[in-house]
């Protein structure tokens, strides 16, 4: 019978808190960068020239159709060999997660824009507005309401994806828990604490996302 002893791993609480802080900061970075990239790619796929739209589509399909863990390892081990550019674990992780998230954000943006009736664009053109003005003032404000729920879901998924950073020794929450487990020989306690930390962060975010989705749905019906 296993005897749980959380008191013996208290000495590692600062290490775990630093890992949790690293995870949260990293999530903010990759979500913000991914959203910006996704917005550019999503709009480019809908309204950009055919060549640009085609290149963006290739990027989206490549990153959506390959596992994020494979991408993470490839960016860290293979990309420096091909380019000759040394890449730290943190840089490789940020680049791969940003590109991975950006591909999904781009599809959300593209779907949101296409969901807005074409008549809105025609009305803007009839008023003498330029295409950029129509996109900024007419299309995007309406599309954004449809984008919010899936954007929130994808952002939550990005936080979950940060747990993979430990494979390339990025000091996130899971990596610090692994380090403490190897040092203390108490893996059950430490991995349980890590799981609880993820739950404490993710559960409120998930609940808030669902409430926001319900609120927007009610506003659309009204």
C-alpha atoms as a PDB file:
ATOM      1  CA  UNK A   1       0.000   0.000   0.000  1.00  0.00           C
ATOM      2  CA  UNK A   2       1.493   3.330  -1.062  1.00  0.00           C
ATOM      3  CA  UNK A   3       1.765   5.951   1.674  1.00  0.00           C
ATOM      4  CA  UNK A   4       1.244   9.479   0.424  1.00  0.00           C
ATOM      5  CA  UNK A   5       3.555  12.066   1.948  1.00  0.00           C
ATOM      6  CA  UNK A   6       3.010  15.554   0.579  1.00  0.00           C
ATOM      7  CA  UNK A   7       4.862  17.082   3.515  1.00  0.00           C
ATOM      8  CA  UNK A   8       8.156  15.634   2.324  1.00  0.00           C
ATOM      9  CA  UNK A   9       7.916  17.486  -1.013  1.00  0.00           C
ATOM     10  CA  UNK A  10       7.089  20.892   0.498  1.00  0.00           C
ATOM     11  CA  UNK A  11      10.749  21.869   0.101  1.00  0.00           C
ATOM     12  CA  UNK A  12      10.141  21.939  -3.665  1.00  0.00           C
ATOM     13  CA  UNK A  13       7.199  24.369  -3.565  1.00  0.00           C
ATOM     14  CA  UNK A  14       9.258  27.344  -4.737  1.00  0.00           C
ATOM     15  CA  UNK A  15      10.594  25.285  -7.638  1.00  0.00           C
ATOM     16  CA  UNK A  16       7.078  24.282  -8.654  1.00  0.00           C
ATOM     17  CA  UNK A  17       5.794  27.851  -8.327  1.00  0.00           C
ATOM     18  CA  UNK A  18       8.598  29.095 -10.563  1.00  0.00           C
ATOM     19  CA  UNK A  19       7.651  26.431 -13.107  1.00  0.00           C
ATOM     20  CA  UNK A  20       4.000  27.462 -12.944  1.00  0.00           C
ATOM     21  CA  UNK A  21       4.931  31.122 -13.430  1.00  0.00           C
ATOM     22  CA  UNK A  22       7.096  30.158 -16.415  1.00  0.00           C
ATOM     23  CA  UNK A  23       4.197  28.191 -17.892  1.00  0.00           C
ATOM     24  CA  UNK A  24       1.777  31.104 -17.534  1.00  0.00           C
ATOM     25  CA  UNK A  25       4.178  33.683 -18.975  1.00  0.00           C
ATOM     26  CA  UNK A  26       5.006  31.375 -21.860  1.00  0.00           C
ATOM     27  CA  UNK A  27       1.314  30.833 -22.547  1.00  0.00           C
ATOM     28  CA  UNK A  28       0.705  34.580 -22.745  1.00  0.00           C
ATOM     29  CA  UNK A  29       3.604  34.992 -25.175  1.00  0.00           C
ATOM     30  CA  UNK A  30       2.646  32.175 -27.556  1.00  0.00           C
ATOM     31  CA  UNK A  31      -1.063  33.054 -27.455  1.00  0.00           C
ATOM     32  CA  UNK A  32      -0.425  36.740 -28.226  1.00  0.00           C
ATOM     33  CA  UNK A  33       2.073  35.953 -30.992  1.00  0.00           C
ATOM     34  CA  UNK A  34      -0.121  33.187 -32.382  1.00  0.00           C
ATOM     35  CA  UNK A  35      -3.187  35.434 -32.467  1.00  0.00           C
ATOM     36  CA  UNK A  36      -1.295  38.119 -34.352  1.00  0.00           C
ATOM     37  CA  UNK A  37       0.056  35.583 -36.826  1.00  0.00           C
ATOM     38  CA  UNK A  38      -3.336  33.918 -37.167  1.00  0.00           C
ATOM     39  CA  UNK A  39      -5.040  37.233 -37.879  1.00  0.00           C
ATOM     40  CA  UNK A  40      -2.558  38.053 -40.643  1.00  0.00           C
ATOM     41  CA  UNK A  41      -2.747  34.599 -42.210  1.00  0.00           C
ATOM     42  CA  UNK A  42      -6.524  34.305 -41.848  1.00  0.00           C
ATOM     43  CA  UNK A  43      -7.186  37.634 -43.538  1.00  0.00           C
ATOM     44  CA  UNK A  44      -4.547  36.893 -46.166  1.00  0.00           C
ATOM     45  CA  UNK A  45      -6.210  33.618 -47.072  1.00  0.00           C
ATOM     46  CA  UNK A  46      -9.571  35.308 -47.588  1.00  0.00           C
ATOM     47  CA  UNK A  47      -8.633  38.637 -49.167  1.00  0.00           C
ATOM     48  CA  UNK A  48      -5.011  38.292 -50.243  1.00  0.00           C
ATOM     49  CA  UNK A  49      -3.623  37.626 -53.730  1.00  0.00           C
ATOM     50  CA  UNK A  50      -3.842  34.034 -54.947  1.00  0.00           C
ATOM     51  CA  UNK A  51      -0.109  33.403 -54.491  1.00  0.00           C
ATOM     52  CA  UNK A  52      -0.091  34.698 -50.918  1.00  0.00           C
ATOM     53  CA  UNK A  53      -3.291  32.826 -50.090  1.00  0.00           C
ATOM     54  CA  UNK A  54      -1.765  29.626 -51.483  1.00  0.00           C
ATOM     55  CA  UNK A  55       1.420  30.001 -49.420  1.00  0.00           C
ATOM     56  CA  UNK A  56      -0.596  30.692 -46.291  1.00  0.00           C
ATOM     57  CA  UNK A  57      -2.724  27.619 -46.965  1.00  0.00           C
ATOM     58  CA  UNK A  58       0.401  25.448 -47.227  1.00  0.00           C
ATOM     59  CA  UNK A  59       1.644  26.805 -43.905  1.00  0.00           C
ATOM     60  CA  UNK A  60      -1.700  26.155 -42.211  1.00  0.00           C
ATOM     61  CA  UNK A  61      -2.016  22.604 -43.528  1.00  0.00           C
ATOM     62  CA  UNK A  62       1.555  21.671 -42.590  1.00  0.00           C
ATOM     63  CA  UNK A  63       1.218  22.820 -38.999  1.00  0.00           C
ATOM     64  CA  UNK A  64      -2.330  21.574 -38.505  1.00  0.00           C
ATOM     65  CA  UNK A  65      -1.552  18.123 -39.889  1.00  0.00           C
ATOM     66  CA  UNK A  66       1.596  17.351 -37.890  1.00  0.00           C
ATOM     67  CA  UNK A  67       1.754  16.714 -34.119  1.00  0.00           C
ATOM     68  CA  UNK A  68       2.912  19.653 -32.035  1.00  0.00           C
ATOM     69  CA  UNK A  69       5.394  17.440 -30.179  1.00  0.00           C
ATOM     70  CA  UNK A  70       7.059  16.477 -33.469  1.00  0.00           C
ATOM     71  CA  UNK A  71       7.226  20.152 -34.446  1.00  0.00           C
ATOM     72  CA  UNK A  72       8.745  21.062 -31.093  1.00  0.00           C
ATOM     73  CA  UNK A  73      11.498  18.476 -31.388  1.00  0.00           C
ATOM     74  CA  UNK A  74      12.125  19.324 -35.055  1.00  0.00           C
ATOM     75  CA  UNK A  75      12.565  23.027 -34.347  1.00  0.00           C
ATOM     76  CA  UNK A  76      14.977  22.329 -31.513  1.00  0.00           C
ATOM     77  CA  UNK A  77      17.111  19.577 -33.083  1.00  0.00           C
ATOM     78  CA  UNK A  78      16.705  19.788 -36.868  1.00  0.00           C
ATOM     79  CA  UNK A  79      16.289  23.486 -37.643  1.00  0.00           C
ATOM     80  CA  UNK A  80      19.693  24.531 -36.204  1.00  0.00           C
ATOM     81  CA  UNK A  81      21.382  21.849 -38.322  1.00  0.00           C
ATOM     82  CA  UNK A  82      19.656  23.056 -41.491  1.00  0.00           C
ATOM     83  CA  UNK A  83      20.155  26.778 -40.876  1.00  0.00           C
ATOM     84  CA  UNK A  84      23.319  26.858 -38.790  1.00  0.00           C
ATOM     85  CA  UNK A  85      21.538  29.085 -36.268  1.00  0.00           C
ATOM     86  CA  UNK A  86      21.871  28.009 -32.657  1.00  0.00           C
ATOM     87  CA  UNK A  87      18.516  27.915 -30.932  1.00  0.00           C
ATOM     88  CA  UNK A  88      17.879  27.799 -27.197  1.00  0.00           C
ATOM     89  CA  UNK A  89      15.135  25.530 -25.868  1.00  0.00           C
ATOM     90  CA  UNK A  90      13.012  28.557 -24.963  1.00  0.00           C
ATOM     91  CA  UNK A  91      13.347  30.060 -28.452  1.00  0.00           C
ATOM     92  CA  UNK A  92      12.587  26.773 -30.198  1.00  0.00           C
ATOM     93  CA  UNK A  93       9.546  26.234 -28.001  1.00  0.00           C
ATOM     94  CA  UNK A  94       8.216  29.756 -28.568  1.00  0.00           C
ATOM     95  CA  UNK A  95       8.688  29.502 -32.325  1.00  0.00           C
ATOM     96  CA  UNK A  96       7.059  26.099 -32.698  1.00  0.00           C
ATOM     97  CA  UNK A  97       4.096  26.806 -30.415  1.00  0.00           C
ATOM     98  CA  UNK A  98       3.498  30.198 -32.024  1.00  0.00           C
ATOM     99  CA  UNK A  99       3.476  28.715 -35.523  1.00  0.00           C
ATOM    100  CA  UNK A 100       1.347  25.775 -34.415  1.00  0.00           C
ATOM    101  CA  UNK A 101      -1.190  27.967 -32.650  1.00  0.00           C
ATOM    102  CA  UNK A 102      -1.123  30.533 -35.445  1.00  0.00           C
ATOM    103  CA  UNK A 103      -2.242  27.898 -37.952  1.00  0.00           C
ATOM    104  CA  UNK A 104      -5.343  27.100 -35.893  1.00  0.00           C
ATOM    105  CA  UNK A 105      -6.054  30.740 -35.125  1.00  0.00           C
ATOM    106  CA  UNK A 106      -5.825  31.484 -38.851  1.00  0.00           C
ATOM    107  CA  UNK A 107      -8.547  28.962 -39.642  1.00  0.00           C
ATOM    108  CA  UNK A 108     -10.754  30.438 -36.928  1.00  0.00           C
ATOM    109  CA  UNK A 109     -10.262  33.935 -38.335  1.00  0.00           C
ATOM    110  CA  UNK A 110     -10.871  32.744 -41.879  1.00  0.00           C
ATOM    111  CA  UNK A 111     -14.088  30.971 -40.887  1.00  0.00           C
ATOM    112  CA  UNK A 112     -15.278  34.005 -38.951  1.00  0.00           C
ATOM    113  CA  UNK A 113     -14.740  36.323 -41.914  1.00  0.00           C
ATOM    114  CA  UNK A 114     -16.450  33.961 -44.359  1.00  0.00           C
ATOM    115  CA  UNK A 115     -19.429  33.694 -41.999  1.00  0.00           C
ATOM    116  CA  UNK A 116     -20.207  37.389 -42.508  1.00  0.00           C
ATOM    117  CA  UNK A 117     -22.663  37.853 -45.351  1.00  0.00           C
ATOM    118  CA  UNK A 118     -21.126  39.102 -48.600  1.00  0.00           C
ATOM    119  CA  UNK A 119     -23.830  41.749 -48.719  1.00  0.00           C
ATOM    120  CA  UNK A 120     -21.974  43.579 -45.939  1.00  0.00           C
ATOM    121  CA  UNK A 121     -18.989  43.974 -48.233  1.00  0.00           C
ATOM    122  CA  UNK A 122     -21.169  45.082 -51.137  1.00  0.00           C
ATOM    123  CA  UNK A 123     -22.852  47.672 -48.904  1.00  0.00           C
ATOM    124  CA  UNK A 124     -19.474  49.049 -47.886  1.00  0.00           C
ATOM    125  CA  UNK A 125     -18.349  49.255 -51.495  1.00  0.00           C
ATOM    126  CA  UNK A 126     -21.576  51.057 -52.390  1.00  0.00           C
ATOM    127  CA  UNK A 127     -20.728  53.663 -49.769  1.00  0.00           C
ATOM    128  CA  UNK A 128     -17.350  54.219 -51.376  1.00  0.00           C
ATOM    129  CA  UNK A 129     -15.286  52.481 -48.717  1.00  0.00           C
ATOM    130  CA  UNK A 130     -11.991  50.854 -49.608  1.00  0.00           C
ATOM    131  CA  UNK A 131     -11.461  47.122 -49.111  1.00  0.00           C
ATOM    132  CA  UNK A 132      -9.233  47.698 -46.086  1.00  0.00           C
ATOM    133  CA  UNK A 133     -11.797  50.002 -44.537  1.00  0.00           C
ATOM    134  CA  UNK A 134     -14.563  47.476 -45.141  1.00  0.00           C
ATOM    135  CA  UNK A 135     -12.503  44.751 -43.513  1.00  0.00           C
ATOM    136  CA  UNK A 136     -11.559  46.883 -40.508  1.00  0.00           C
ATOM    137  CA  UNK A 137     -14.847  48.681 -39.886  1.00  0.00           C
ATOM    138  CA  UNK A 138     -17.495  46.283 -41.179  1.00  0.00           C
ATOM    139  CA  UNK A 139     -16.318  42.683 -41.491  1.00  0.00           C
ATOM    140  CA  UNK A 140     -13.957  42.151 -38.559  1.00  0.00           C
ATOM    141  CA  UNK A 141     -16.236  43.630 -35.843  1.00  0.00           C
ATOM    142  CA  UNK A 142     -19.023  41.250 -36.893  1.00  0.00           C
ATOM    143  CA  UNK A 143     -16.704  38.298 -37.413  1.00  0.00           C
ATOM    144  CA  UNK A 144     -14.988  38.796 -34.067  1.00  0.00           C
ATOM    145  CA  UNK A 145     -18.132  37.875 -32.146  1.00  0.00           C
ATOM    146  CA  UNK A 146     -18.185  34.528 -33.934  1.00  0.00           C
ATOM    147  CA  UNK A 147     -14.455  34.037 -33.399  1.00  0.00           C
ATOM    148  CA  UNK A 148     -14.354  34.570 -29.635  1.00  0.00           C
ATOM    149  CA  UNK A 149     -15.478  31.101 -28.413  1.00  0.00           C
ATOM    150  CA  UNK A 150     -13.138  29.073 -30.673  1.00  0.00           C
ATOM    151  CA  UNK A 151     -10.295  31.529 -30.045  1.00  0.00           C
ATOM    152  CA  UNK A 152     -10.739  31.010 -26.319  1.00  0.00           C
ATOM    153  CA  UNK A 153     -10.782  27.229 -26.726  1.00  0.00           C
ATOM    154  CA  UNK A 154      -7.631  27.278 -28.802  1.00  0.00           C
ATOM    155  CA  UNK A 155      -5.894  29.530 -26.281  1.00  0.00           C
ATOM    156  CA  UNK A 156      -6.737  27.056 -23.513  1.00  0.00           C
ATOM    157  CA  UNK A 157      -5.301  24.320 -25.705  1.00  0.00           C
ATOM    158  CA  UNK A 158      -2.118  26.363 -26.065  1.00  0.00           C
ATOM    159  CA  UNK A 159      -1.725  26.370 -22.297  1.00  0.00           C
ATOM    160  CA  UNK A 160      -2.082  22.589 -22.273  1.00  0.00           C
ATOM    161  CA  UNK A 161       0.505  22.325 -25.040  1.00  0.00           C
ATOM    162  CA  UNK A 162       3.100  24.044 -22.856  1.00  0.00           C
ATOM    163  CA  UNK A 163       3.312  20.824 -20.843  1.00  0.00           C
ATOM    164  CA  UNK A 164       5.252  19.396 -23.798  1.00  0.00           C
ATOM    165  CA  UNK A 165       8.067  21.891 -23.338  1.00  0.00           C
ATOM    166  CA  UNK A 166       9.710  19.660 -20.754  1.00  0.00           C
ATOM    167  CA  UNK A 167      10.940  17.316 -23.519  1.00  0.00           C
ATOM    168  CA  UNK A 168      13.495  19.953 -24.564  1.00  0.00           C
ATOM    169  CA  UNK A 169      14.323  21.019 -20.997  1.00  0.00           C
ATOM    170  CA  UNK A 170      12.312  24.229 -20.866  1.00  0.00           C
ATOM    171  CA  UNK A 171      11.783  24.865 -17.113  1.00  0.00           C
ATOM    172  CA  UNK A 172       7.987  24.846 -17.116  1.00  0.00           C
ATOM    173  CA  UNK A 173       5.782  23.341 -14.414  1.00  0.00           C
ATOM    174  CA  UNK A 174       6.045  19.745 -15.624  1.00  0.00           C
ATOM    175  CA  UNK A 175       9.826  19.960 -16.075  1.00  0.00           C
ATOM    176  CA  UNK A 176      10.274  21.259 -12.532  1.00  0.00           C
ATOM    177  CA  UNK A 177       7.975  18.541 -11.208  1.00  0.00           C
ATOM    178  CA  UNK A 178      10.064  15.927 -13.014  1.00  0.00           C
ATOM    179  CA  UNK A 179      13.273  17.380 -11.603  1.00  0.00           C
ATOM    180  CA  UNK A 180      11.842  17.358  -8.084  1.00  0.00           C
ATOM    181  CA  UNK A 181      10.545  13.801  -8.533  1.00  0.00           C
ATOM    182  CA  UNK A 182      13.972  12.545  -9.595  1.00  0.00           C
ATOM    183  CA  UNK A 183      15.541  14.247  -6.603  1.00  0.00           C
ATOM    184  CA  UNK A 184      13.000  13.187  -3.972  1.00  0.00           C
ATOM    185  CA  UNK A 185      11.842   9.812  -5.320  1.00  0.00           C
ATOM    186  CA  UNK A 186       8.253  10.950  -4.715  1.00  0.00           C
ATOM    187  CA  UNK A 187       6.859  11.063  -8.269  1.00  0.00           C
ATOM    188  CA  UNK A 188       3.219  10.417  -7.328  1.00  0.00           C
ATOM    189  CA  UNK A 189       3.014  13.405  -5.005  1.00  0.00           C
ATOM    190  CA  UNK A 190       4.827  15.779  -7.336  1.00  0.00           C
ATOM    191  CA  UNK A 191       2.988  14.798 -10.512  1.00  0.00           C
ATOM    192  CA  UNK A 192      -0.286  15.019  -8.600  1.00  0.00           C
ATOM    193  CA  UNK A 193       0.594  18.541  -7.461  1.00  0.00           C
ATOM    194  CA  UNK A 194       1.465  19.459 -11.062  1.00  0.00           C
ATOM    195  CA  UNK A 195      -1.873  18.083 -12.276  1.00  0.00           C
ATOM    196  CA  UNK A 196      -3.740  20.045  -9.592  1.00  0.00           C
ATOM    197  CA  UNK A 197      -1.913  23.235 -10.606  1.00  0.00           C
ATOM    198  CA  UNK A 198      -2.936  22.765 -14.234  1.00  0.00           C
ATOM    199  CA  UNK A 199      -6.513  22.114 -13.148  1.00  0.00           C
ATOM    200  CA  UNK A 200      -6.621  25.234 -10.951  1.00  0.00           C
ATOM    201  CA  UNK A 201      -5.547  27.350 -13.910  1.00  0.00           C
ATOM    202  CA  UNK A 202      -7.521  25.625 -16.666  1.00  0.00           C
ATOM    203  CA  UNK A 203     -10.863  24.996 -14.981  1.00  0.00           C
ATOM    204  CA  UNK A 204     -11.742  28.672 -14.347  1.00  0.00           C
ATOM    205  CA  UNK A 205     -10.591  29.541 -17.864  1.00  0.00           C
ATOM    206  CA  UNK A 206     -12.803  26.808 -19.309  1.00  0.00           C
ATOM    207  CA  UNK A 207     -15.827  27.886 -17.260  1.00  0.00           C
ATOM    208  CA  UNK A 208     -15.343  31.528 -18.217  1.00  0.00           C
ATOM    209  CA  UNK A 209     -15.032  30.556 -21.877  1.00  0.00           C
ATOM    210  CA  UNK A 210     -18.318  28.629 -21.774  1.00  0.00           C
ATOM    211  CA  UNK A 211     -20.107  31.492 -20.033  1.00  0.00           C
ATOM    212  CA  UNK A 212     -18.808  33.966 -22.584  1.00  0.00           C
ATOM    213  CA  UNK A 213     -19.953  31.687 -25.409  1.00  0.00           C
ATOM    214  CA  UNK A 214     -23.433  31.421 -23.878  1.00  0.00           C
ATOM    215  CA  UNK A 215     -23.643  35.185 -23.407  1.00  0.00           C
ATOM    216  CA  UNK A 216     -22.685  35.880 -26.999  1.00  0.00           C
ATOM    217  CA  UNK A 217     -25.172  33.280 -28.219  1.00  0.00           C
ATOM    218  CA  UNK A 218     -27.986  34.960 -26.256  1.00  0.00           C
ATOM    219  CA  UNK A 219     -27.032  38.368 -27.650  1.00  0.00           C
ATOM    220  CA  UNK A 220     -27.115  36.982 -31.205  1.00  0.00           C
ATOM    221  CA  UNK A 221     -30.604  35.542 -30.642  1.00  0.00           C
ATOM    222  CA  UNK A 222     -31.827  38.873 -29.325  1.00  0.00           C
END
